[in-house]
Amino acid sequence: MPPGFSGCGPEECPTQKLNWKTDSPVWVEQWPLSAEKLKALQELVDEQLAKGHIVETTSPWNSPVFVIKKANKGKWRLLHDLRQINNVIEDMGSLQPGMPSPAMLPQNWNLAIFDIKDCFFQIPLHPHNVPRFVFSVPTLNREAPRKRYHWKFLPQGMKNSPSICQWYLSSLLSPVSTAAGEAIILHYTDDVLVCAPNDALLSHALDLTIDSLVAAGFELQEEKIQRMPPWKYLGLKTGKRTIVQQKLVVKNNIKTLADVQQLCGSLNWVRPWLGLTTEDLDPFFNLLEGGEELSSPRTLTQEARAVLEKVQDCMATRQANRCKSDLPFQFIILGKLPHLHGMIFHWERVEKSKKDKDSRDPLLTIEWVFLSHHQVQKNDQATGTGSRIDSESQDPDQGVGRM
């Protein structure tokens, strides 16, 4: 451990206690499973027992489990249906409403990126909560009493697990950020990014980060640390100066509302980097209207197909920029009501000679900001198109709402 840090095992570190709407036990009966699935379930349970993630229990709570085959791997995955348990847990809300933006990483600073293996299974449940996350393993033909187990660590499917994960990792990495000085440390669920102005500081900050996580019981795969550009992080490819999307498949064989919703989610994710306005996407967003069943039919209109073609073109030709630490952030409001949108950018003074007609663009787009598709129109006087705000504070998140 580095000096000044105190390590703790995964069951010794403090964790969040859930608030419950009731203390009355919730029991949802286990449904029948085929012999093949029972065998797979027992093998997965034995594996979790060996790892110390579950223990036998006599708790009066119960929720069903099932298993599914992993795609193209021939292995099984254990799933715990916690919907009824989630209904009696008070919502913690999102502690990190959006993903950290790599655009805020200064240009030419180097990065190191890694992920935490089985992150939830390293974060302990509060002792008061463990007896409520219970499941039963039935036996073939009821030939023996079924055994029952509860989780000791954050279960997949519990609605507050992501929030507790973010809080827990932050409690470990905040002291590291302070000790690492100028280095930047970002984390989102199990993805961790370290950024620094030089290799020496990057190596120091990375060592502090890894040591802190390993001391808390997390398992890392150091051989898979990304150290060279382009770095892949949260679906983006980040270079020394620019940011582009990783490959995004835009499906045009839309048949149901579920297909539309899935693609809308992907489009909303790439918008801040591509500058796709709400007005641009309106013909596609309009497909959300109609029957509310996920299986209700949908067909791409000619206008919606044109939108998807524009998206493909933008992904091939547009990029965002990492910020420059020596330039102020600026913000400009564009468009007309109800489709206002904004752009965070730098304006770089470029010395341009008469002979140099192909000098670089002085406009460095950092990120686009959009109102919701269903933003309520207000009667307030509209902000004039082209209004511009300069910020010497270089903090683009102040007063800027993100989707």
Protein backbone atom coordinates (compact mmCIF):
# COMPACT_ATOMS: atom_id res chain seq x y z
CA MET A 1 0.00 0.00 0.00
CA PRO A 2 1.23 3.55 -0.71
CA PRO A 3 2.04 5.71 2.33
CA GLY A 4 -0.99 7.45 3.81
CA PHE A 5 -3.50 4.83 2.69
CA SER A 6 -5.12 2.25 4.93
CA GLY A 7 -6.29 -0.91 3.21
CA CYS A 8 -9.42 -2.84 4.06
CA GLY A 9 -10.80 -6.13 2.89
CA PRO A 10 -14.08 -6.12 0.95
CA GLU A 11 -16.10 -7.06 4.05
CA GLU A 12 -14.34 -4.49 6.27
CA CYS A 13 -14.88 -1.34 4.21
CA PRO A 14 -17.99 0.69 5.09
CA THR A 15 -21.00 0.27 2.83
CA GLN A 16 -24.44 1.77 2.33
CA LYS A 17 -27.48 0.56 4.26
CA LEU A 18 -30.67 0.33 2.20
CA ASN A 19 -33.91 1.95 3.37
CA TRP A 20 -36.94 -0.33 3.21
CA LYS A 21 -40.62 0.49 2.78
CA THR A 22 -41.56 -2.56 4.85
CA ASP A 23 -39.98 -5.05 7.21
CA SER A 24 -42.57 -7.69 6.37
CA PRO A 25 -40.86 -10.55 4.50
CA VAL A 26 -41.42 -10.75 0.74
CA TRP A 27 -41.67 -14.31 -0.57
CA VAL A 28 -41.91 -15.08 -4.28
CA GLU A 29 -41.96 -18.83 -4.94
CA GLN A 30 -39.27 -20.39 -7.10
CA TRP A 31 -40.66 -21.60 -10.42
CA PRO A 32 -39.86 -25.06 -11.88
CA LEU A 33 -36.66 -25.55 -13.89
CA SER A 34 -35.71 -28.28 -16.35
CA ALA A 35 -33.16 -30.93 -15.37
CA GLU A 36 -30.56 -29.26 -17.60
CA LYS A 37 -31.11 -25.88 -15.98
CA LEU A 38 -31.16 -27.34 -12.46
CA LYS A 39 -27.76 -28.91 -13.13
CA ALA A 40 -26.40 -25.59 -14.44
CA LEU A 41 -27.90 -23.71 -11.47
CA GLN A 42 -26.27 -26.06 -8.96
CA GLU A 43 -22.88 -25.66 -10.64
CA LEU A 44 -23.20 -21.87 -10.56
CA VAL A 45 -24.27 -21.94 -6.90
CA ASP A 46 -21.29 -24.12 -6.01
CA GLU A 47 -19.04 -21.62 -7.78
CA GLN A 48 -20.52 -18.67 -5.86
CA LEU A 49 -20.21 -20.58 -2.57
CA ALA A 50 -16.53 -21.27 -3.26
CA LYS A 51 -15.94 -17.57 -3.94
CA GLY A 52 -17.72 -16.57 -0.73
CA HIS A 53 -20.37 -14.52 -2.52
CA ILE A 54 -23.30 -16.43 -0.95
CA VAL A 55 -24.00 -18.38 2.24
CA GLU A 56 -26.79 -20.74 3.33
CA THR A 57 -29.69 -19.07 5.12
CA THR A 58 -33.03 -19.67 6.83
CA SER A 59 -34.34 -16.17 6.07
CA PRO A 60 -38.12 -15.81 5.51
CA TRP A 61 -37.48 -13.82 2.31
CA ASN A 62 -37.24 -15.40 -1.15
CA SER A 63 -37.02 -14.43 -4.82
CA PRO A 64 -36.78 -16.79 -7.81
CA VAL A 65 -33.65 -17.46 -9.84
CA PHE A 66 -33.13 -18.81 -13.34
CA VAL A 67 -30.25 -19.47 -15.71
CA ILE A 68 -29.64 -18.54 -19.35
CA LYS A 69 -26.93 -19.56 -21.77
CA LYS A 70 -24.32 -16.94 -22.61
CA ALA A 71 -24.21 -16.06 -26.30
CA ASN A 72 -21.64 -18.06 -28.28
CA LYS A 73 -19.93 -19.37 -25.15
CA GLY A 74 -21.91 -22.42 -24.15
CA LYS A 75 -21.72 -21.30 -20.52
CA TRP A 76 -24.59 -20.46 -18.20
CA ARG A 77 -25.38 -17.25 -16.36
CA LEU A 78 -27.25 -17.01 -13.04
CA LEU A 79 -30.01 -14.39 -12.86
CA HIS A 80 -31.94 -13.40 -9.73
CA ASP A 81 -35.43 -11.95 -10.26
CA LEU A 82 -35.48 -9.12 -7.71
CA ARG A 83 -38.44 -7.15 -9.07
CA GLN A 84 -40.63 -7.68 -6.01
CA ILE A 85 -37.72 -6.89 -3.69
CA ASN A 86 -37.00 -3.69 -5.62
CA ASN A 87 -40.61 -2.63 -5.06
CA VAL A 88 -40.03 -2.44 -1.29
CA ILE A 89 -36.64 -0.69 -1.44
CA GLU A 90 -36.53 3.09 -1.32
CA ASP A 91 -34.89 4.47 -4.45
CA MET A 92 -31.50 6.06 -3.79
CA GLY A 93 -31.58 7.93 -7.08
CA SER A 94 -28.65 8.25 -9.41
CA LEU A 95 -25.46 9.50 -7.77
CA GLN A 96 -23.88 9.97 -11.19
CA PRO A 97 -26.66 10.91 -13.64
CA GLY A 98 -24.41 10.77 -16.69
CA MET A 99 -21.13 9.39 -17.91
CA PRO A 100 -17.94 11.43 -17.46
CA SER A 101 -16.90 13.13 -20.68
CA PRO A 102 -13.44 12.40 -22.11
CA ALA A 103 -13.69 15.79 -23.82
CA MET A 104 -12.71 17.30 -20.46
CA LEU A 105 -9.34 15.52 -20.58
CA PRO A 106 -6.68 18.00 -21.77
CA GLN A 107 -5.19 17.42 -25.19
CA ASN A 108 -1.94 15.43 -25.37
CA TRP A 109 -2.25 14.13 -21.80
CA ASN A 110 -1.74 10.36 -21.77
CA LEU A 111 -4.33 7.91 -20.48
CA ALA A 112 -4.46 4.49 -18.87
CA ILE A 113 -7.77 2.61 -18.80
CA PHE A 114 -8.80 -0.64 -17.15
CA ASP A 115 -11.92 -2.38 -15.92
CA ILE A 116 -12.66 -4.05 -12.59
CA LYS A 117 -13.57 -7.72 -12.87
CA ASP A 118 -16.91 -8.68 -11.29
CA CYS A 119 -17.13 -5.26 -9.64
CA PHE A 120 -20.46 -5.80 -7.82
CA PHE A 121 -19.19 -9.04 -6.26
CA GLN A 122 -16.42 -7.14 -4.46
CA ILE A 123 -18.76 -4.65 -2.77
CA PRO A 124 -20.37 -5.99 0.43
CA LEU A 125 -24.03 -5.64 1.25
CA HIS A 126 -24.77 -4.03 4.60
CA PRO A 127 -25.25 -6.82 7.22
CA HIS A 128 -28.81 -5.61 7.86
CA ASN A 129 -29.69 -6.16 4.19
CA VAL A 130 -28.19 -9.55 3.38
CA PRO A 131 -31.08 -11.73 4.72
CA ARG A 132 -33.44 -10.13 2.19
CA PHE A 133 -31.63 -11.16 -0.99
CA VAL A 134 -32.44 -14.86 -0.83
CA PHE A 135 -33.05 -17.58 -3.39
CA SER A 136 -33.83 -21.29 -3.26
CA VAL A 137 -32.32 -24.16 -5.25
CA PRO A 138 -34.95 -26.85 -5.91
CA THR A 139 -34.06 -30.53 -6.21
CA LEU A 140 -35.04 -32.89 -9.00
CA ASN A 141 -38.40 -34.56 -8.24
CA ARG A 142 -38.32 -32.96 -4.76
CA GLU A 143 -36.02 -35.79 -3.67
CA ALA A 144 -34.45 -33.67 -0.90
CA PRO A 145 -35.18 -30.42 0.93
CA ARG A 146 -34.18 -27.44 -1.15
CA LYS A 147 -31.27 -25.34 0.01
CA ARG A 148 -31.56 -21.59 0.40
CA TYR A 149 -28.88 -18.91 0.10
CA HIS A 150 -28.47 -15.17 0.49
CA TRP A 151 -26.00 -12.83 -1.17
CA LYS A 152 -23.21 -11.22 0.85
CA PHE A 153 -22.27 -8.81 -1.93
CA LEU A 154 -24.18 -6.48 -4.26
CA PRO A 155 -26.57 -8.59 -6.34
CA GLN A 156 -27.07 -7.95 -10.04
CA GLY A 157 -30.59 -6.66 -10.62
CA MET A 158 -31.00 -4.79 -7.33
CA LYS A 159 -32.04 -1.29 -8.36
CA ASN A 160 -29.62 0.52 -6.04
CA SER A 161 -26.57 -1.62 -6.85
CA PRO A 162 -25.21 0.86 -9.47
CA SER A 163 -25.56 3.80 -7.06
CA ILE A 164 -23.90 1.91 -4.21
CA CYS A 165 -21.13 0.84 -6.59
CA GLN A 166 -20.45 4.45 -7.58
CA TRP A 167 -20.48 5.61 -3.95
CA TYR A 168 -18.21 2.77 -2.85
CA LEU A 169 -15.61 3.29 -5.59
CA SER A 170 -15.67 7.04 -4.98
CA SER A 171 -14.93 6.50 -1.29
CA LEU A 172 -11.85 4.49 -2.30
CA LEU A 173 -10.61 6.68 -5.16
CA SER A 174 -11.24 10.19 -3.78
CA PRO A 175 -8.18 10.00 -1.47
CA VAL A 176 -6.18 8.68 -4.42
CA SER A 177 -7.21 11.67 -6.55
CA THR A 178 -6.03 14.02 -3.81
CA ALA A 179 -2.69 12.21 -3.52
CA ALA A 180 -2.21 12.06 -7.30
CA GLY A 181 -2.04 15.84 -7.63
CA GLU A 182 -2.62 17.08 -11.18
CA ALA A 183 -3.70 13.68 -12.48
CA ILE A 184 -7.38 13.08 -13.33
CA ILE A 185 -9.13 9.86 -12.25
CA LEU A 186 -12.54 8.99 -13.71
CA HIS A 187 -14.68 5.98 -12.89
CA TYR A 188 -18.08 4.84 -14.11
CA THR A 189 -19.34 1.52 -12.73
CA ASP A 190 -16.44 -0.86 -13.43
CA ASP A 191 -14.50 1.31 -15.92
CA VAL A 192 -11.60 3.36 -14.54
CA LEU A 193 -9.56 5.98 -16.42
CA VAL A 194 -6.39 7.72 -15.25
CA CYS A 195 -5.07 10.77 -17.12
CA ALA A 196 -1.93 12.83 -16.48
CA PRO A 197 0.24 15.44 -18.27
CA ASN A 198 3.35 13.23 -18.33
CA ASP A 199 4.26 9.56 -18.15
CA ALA A 200 5.89 9.79 -14.72
CA LEU A 201 2.78 11.24 -13.07
CA LEU A 202 0.53 8.86 -15.02
CA SER A 203 2.50 5.85 -13.77
CA HIS A 204 2.42 7.17 -10.19
CA ALA A 205 -1.34 7.87 -10.28
CA LEU A 206 -2.05 4.49 -11.90
CA ASP A 207 -0.05 2.66 -9.23
CA LEU A 208 -1.92 4.49 -6.45
CA THR A 209 -5.27 3.65 -8.07
CA ILE A 210 -4.49 -0.03 -8.56
CA ASP A 211 -3.01 -0.42 -5.05
CA SER A 212 -6.09 1.15 -3.46
CA LEU A 213 -8.52 -1.09 -5.37
CA VAL A 214 -6.53 -4.29 -4.84
CA ALA A 215 -6.23 -3.57 -1.10
CA ALA A 216 -10.05 -3.31 -0.98
CA GLY A 217 -10.37 -6.76 -2.54
CA PHE A 218 -11.02 -5.87 -6.18
CA GLU A 219 -9.63 -8.11 -8.91
CA LEU A 220 -7.93 -6.32 -11.81
CA GLN A 221 -6.42 -7.64 -15.02
CA GLU A 222 -3.29 -5.52 -15.29
CA GLU A 223 -2.25 -7.16 -18.56
CA LYS A 224 -5.38 -5.65 -20.16
CA ILE A 225 -4.67 -2.04 -19.17
CA GLN A 226 -4.96 0.25 -22.21
CA ARG A 227 -1.87 2.44 -22.38
CA MET A 228 -1.68 3.51 -26.04
CA PRO A 229 -4.05 5.57 -28.23
CA PRO A 230 -6.70 5.32 -29.39
CA TRP A 231 -8.07 4.53 -25.94
CA LYS A 232 -11.51 2.88 -25.80
CA TYR A 233 -13.67 4.14 -22.94
CA LEU A 234 -17.45 4.15 -22.48
CA GLY A 235 -18.13 3.45 -26.14
CA LEU A 236 -15.79 6.16 -27.43
CA LYS A 237 -12.35 6.09 -29.03
CA THR A 238 -10.20 8.86 -27.57
CA GLY A 239 -7.05 9.99 -29.33
CA LYS A 240 -4.41 12.49 -28.27
CA ARG A 241 -6.63 15.39 -29.38
CA THR A 242 -9.91 14.06 -30.76
CA ILE A 243 -12.83 11.79 -29.85
CA VAL A 244 -14.91 9.58 -32.15
CA GLN A 245 -17.49 6.87 -31.55
CA GLN A 246 -16.64 3.22 -31.48
CA LYS A 247 -18.47 1.26 -34.13
CA LEU A 248 -22.22 1.78 -33.78
CA VAL A 249 -24.55 -0.39 -35.81
CA VAL A 250 -27.58 1.62 -36.95
CA LYS A 251 -30.30 -0.93 -37.66
CA ASN A 252 -32.80 0.08 -40.32
CA ASN A 253 -34.99 -3.03 -40.07
CA ILE A 254 -37.32 -1.44 -37.53
CA LYS A 255 -40.41 -3.57 -36.81
CA THR A 256 -41.57 -2.79 -33.25
CA LEU A 257 -41.64 -0.02 -30.66
CA ALA A 258 -38.88 -1.89 -28.80
CA ASP A 259 -36.64 -1.55 -31.88
CA VAL A 260 -37.34 2.19 -32.00
CA GLN A 261 -36.63 2.68 -28.30
CA GLN A 262 -33.35 0.79 -28.53
CA LEU A 263 -32.15 2.86 -31.48
CA CYS A 264 -33.33 6.11 -29.84
CA GLY A 265 -31.13 5.25 -26.87
CA SER A 266 -28.14 4.80 -29.17
CA LEU A 267 -28.86 8.05 -31.02
CA ASN A 268 -29.20 10.03 -27.78
CA TRP A 269 -25.85 8.64 -26.66
CA VAL A 270 -23.94 9.79 -29.78
CA ARG A 271 -25.62 13.20 -30.10
CA PRO A 272 -23.22 15.14 -27.85
CA TRP A 273 -20.33 14.12 -30.11
CA LEU A 274 -22.02 14.41 -33.50
CA GLY A 275 -24.14 17.55 -33.11
CA LEU A 276 -27.39 15.84 -34.17
CA THR A 277 -30.13 18.28 -33.18
CA THR A 278 -33.60 17.40 -31.94
CA GLU A 279 -34.96 18.88 -35.16
CA ASP A 280 -32.66 16.59 -37.17
CA LEU A 281 -33.96 13.54 -35.33
CA ASP A 282 -37.64 14.53 -35.08
CA PRO A 283 -38.85 12.26 -37.92
CA PHE A 284 -37.34 9.27 -36.13
CA PHE A 285 -38.41 10.29 -32.61
CA ASN A 286 -41.98 10.60 -33.92
CA LEU A 287 -42.02 6.81 -34.35
CA LEU A 288 -42.27 6.58 -30.54
CA GLU A 289 -45.86 7.81 -30.79
CA GLY A 290 -48.69 5.31 -31.15
CA GLY A 291 -49.26 1.98 -29.43
CA GLU A 292 -47.40 1.73 -26.11
CA GLU A 293 -46.82 -2.04 -26.10
CA LEU A 294 -43.18 -2.87 -26.82
CA SER A 295 -44.35 -5.33 -29.47
CA SER A 296 -46.60 -2.79 -31.22
CA PRO A 297 -45.64 -2.51 -34.91
CA ARG A 298 -43.55 0.31 -36.33
CA THR A 299 -42.39 1.02 -39.88
CA LEU A 300 -39.67 3.41 -40.98
CA THR A 301 -41.01 6.37 -42.92
CA GLN A 302 -39.05 7.88 -45.79
CA GLU A 303 -38.16 10.83 -43.52
CA ALA A 304 -36.96 8.50 -40.76
CA ARG A 305 -34.75 6.62 -43.23
CA ALA A 306 -33.20 9.94 -44.25
CA VAL A 307 -32.43 10.61 -40.58
CA LEU A 308 -30.57 7.30 -40.24
CA GLU A 309 -28.59 8.04 -43.42
CA LYS A 310 -27.58 11.40 -41.93
CA VAL A 311 -26.51 9.69 -38.71
CA GLN A 312 -24.30 7.30 -40.67
CA ASP A 313 -22.75 10.21 -42.54
CA CYS A 314 -22.10 12.17 -39.33
CA MET A 315 -20.44 9.18 -37.68
CA ALA A 316 -18.07 8.93 -40.64
CA THR A 317 -17.20 12.64 -40.87
CA ARG A 318 -17.61 14.35 -37.47
CA GLN A 319 -15.55 14.28 -34.30
CA ALA A 320 -15.27 16.10 -30.98
CA ASN A 321 -12.13 17.49 -29.40
CA ARG A 322 -10.41 17.09 -26.08
CA CYS A 323 -10.12 20.40 -24.27
CA LYS A 324 -7.06 22.66 -24.21
CA SER A 325 -6.09 23.64 -20.69
CA ASP A 326 -4.80 27.06 -21.81
CA LEU A 327 -8.05 28.13 -23.50
CA PRO A 328 -11.35 29.26 -21.90
CA PHE A 329 -14.52 27.29 -22.54
CA GLN A 330 -17.20 29.10 -24.53
CA PHE A 331 -20.88 28.29 -25.02
CA ILE A 332 -23.16 29.31 -27.86
CA ILE A 333 -26.95 28.86 -28.10
CA LEU A 334 -28.19 27.96 -31.58
CA GLY A 335 -31.49 27.23 -33.32
CA LYS A 336 -35.03 28.46 -32.82
CA LEU A 337 -37.68 27.51 -30.27
CA PRO A 338 -38.66 24.81 -29.53
CA HIS A 339 -35.44 23.31 -30.89
CA LEU A 340 -32.72 25.29 -29.14
CA HIS A 341 -29.39 23.58 -28.69
CA GLY A 342 -25.96 24.62 -27.56
CA MET A 343 -22.30 23.97 -28.22
CA ILE A 344 -19.37 24.01 -25.80
CA PHE A 345 -16.21 24.95 -27.68
CA HIS A 346 -12.79 26.57 -27.77
CA TRP A 347 -11.79 29.25 -30.25
CA GLU A 348 -8.14 28.83 -31.00
CA ARG A 349 -6.20 31.71 -32.49
CA VAL A 350 -4.42 30.31 -35.52
CA GLU A 351 -1.70 32.23 -37.30
CA LYS A 352 -2.58 31.89 -40.95
CA SER A 353 -0.26 32.97 -43.72
CA LYS A 354 -1.37 33.84 -47.22
CA LYS A 355 0.41 30.75 -48.54
CA ASP A 356 -1.21 28.43 -46.00
CA LYS A 357 -4.77 27.99 -47.25
CA ASP A 358 -5.27 24.65 -45.51
CA SER A 359 -4.44 25.65 -41.93
CA ARG A 360 -6.40 23.94 -39.15
CA ASP A 361 -9.87 25.08 -38.11
CA PRO A 362 -9.78 27.51 -35.15
CA LEU A 363 -13.13 26.09 -33.90
CA LEU A 364 -12.63 23.18 -31.51
CA THR A 365 -16.00 21.55 -30.75
CA ILE A 366 -15.96 20.04 -27.26
CA GLU A 367 -19.55 18.86 -26.84
CA TRP A 368 -23.11 19.58 -28.00
CA VAL A 369 -25.97 20.13 -25.54
CA PHE A 370 -29.65 19.51 -26.36
CA LEU A 371 -33.07 20.02 -24.86
CA SER A 372 -35.38 17.05 -24.46
CA HIS A 373 -37.47 16.03 -27.47
CA HIS A 374 -40.58 16.80 -25.37
CA GLN A 375 -39.26 19.98 -23.75
CA VAL A 376 -42.19 22.09 -22.54
CA GLN A 377 -42.34 25.38 -24.38
CA LYS A 378 -42.33 28.40 -22.12
CA ASN A 379 -43.72 31.82 -22.76
CA ASP A 380 -40.50 33.49 -21.67
CA GLN A 381 -38.77 35.57 -24.28
CA ALA A 382 -36.51 33.27 -26.29
CA THR A 383 -32.80 33.66 -26.04
CA GLY A 384 -31.57 35.10 -29.30
CA THR A 385 -29.93 32.75 -31.76
CA GLY A 386 -26.18 33.00 -31.55
CA SER A 387 -26.04 34.16 -27.92
CA ARG A 388 -22.57 33.41 -26.61
CA ILE A 389 -21.14 32.98 -23.13
CA ASP A 390 -17.42 33.06 -22.34
CA SER A 391 -16.26 31.24 -19.23
CA GLU A 392 -12.85 31.91 -17.80
CA SER A 393 -13.61 29.33 -15.11
CA GLN A 394 -13.20 26.60 -17.75
CA ASP A 395 -16.00 24.60 -16.11
CA PRO A 396 -18.57 23.71 -18.80
CA ASP A 397 -20.83 21.85 -16.36
CA GLN A 398 -21.84 25.00 -14.48
CA GLY A 399 -25.36 25.84 -15.62
CA VAL A 400 -25.30 23.38 -18.49
CA GLY A 401 -27.98 20.68 -18.38
CA ARG A 402 -27.25 17.39 -20.08
CA MET A 403 -29.67 14.78 -21.35
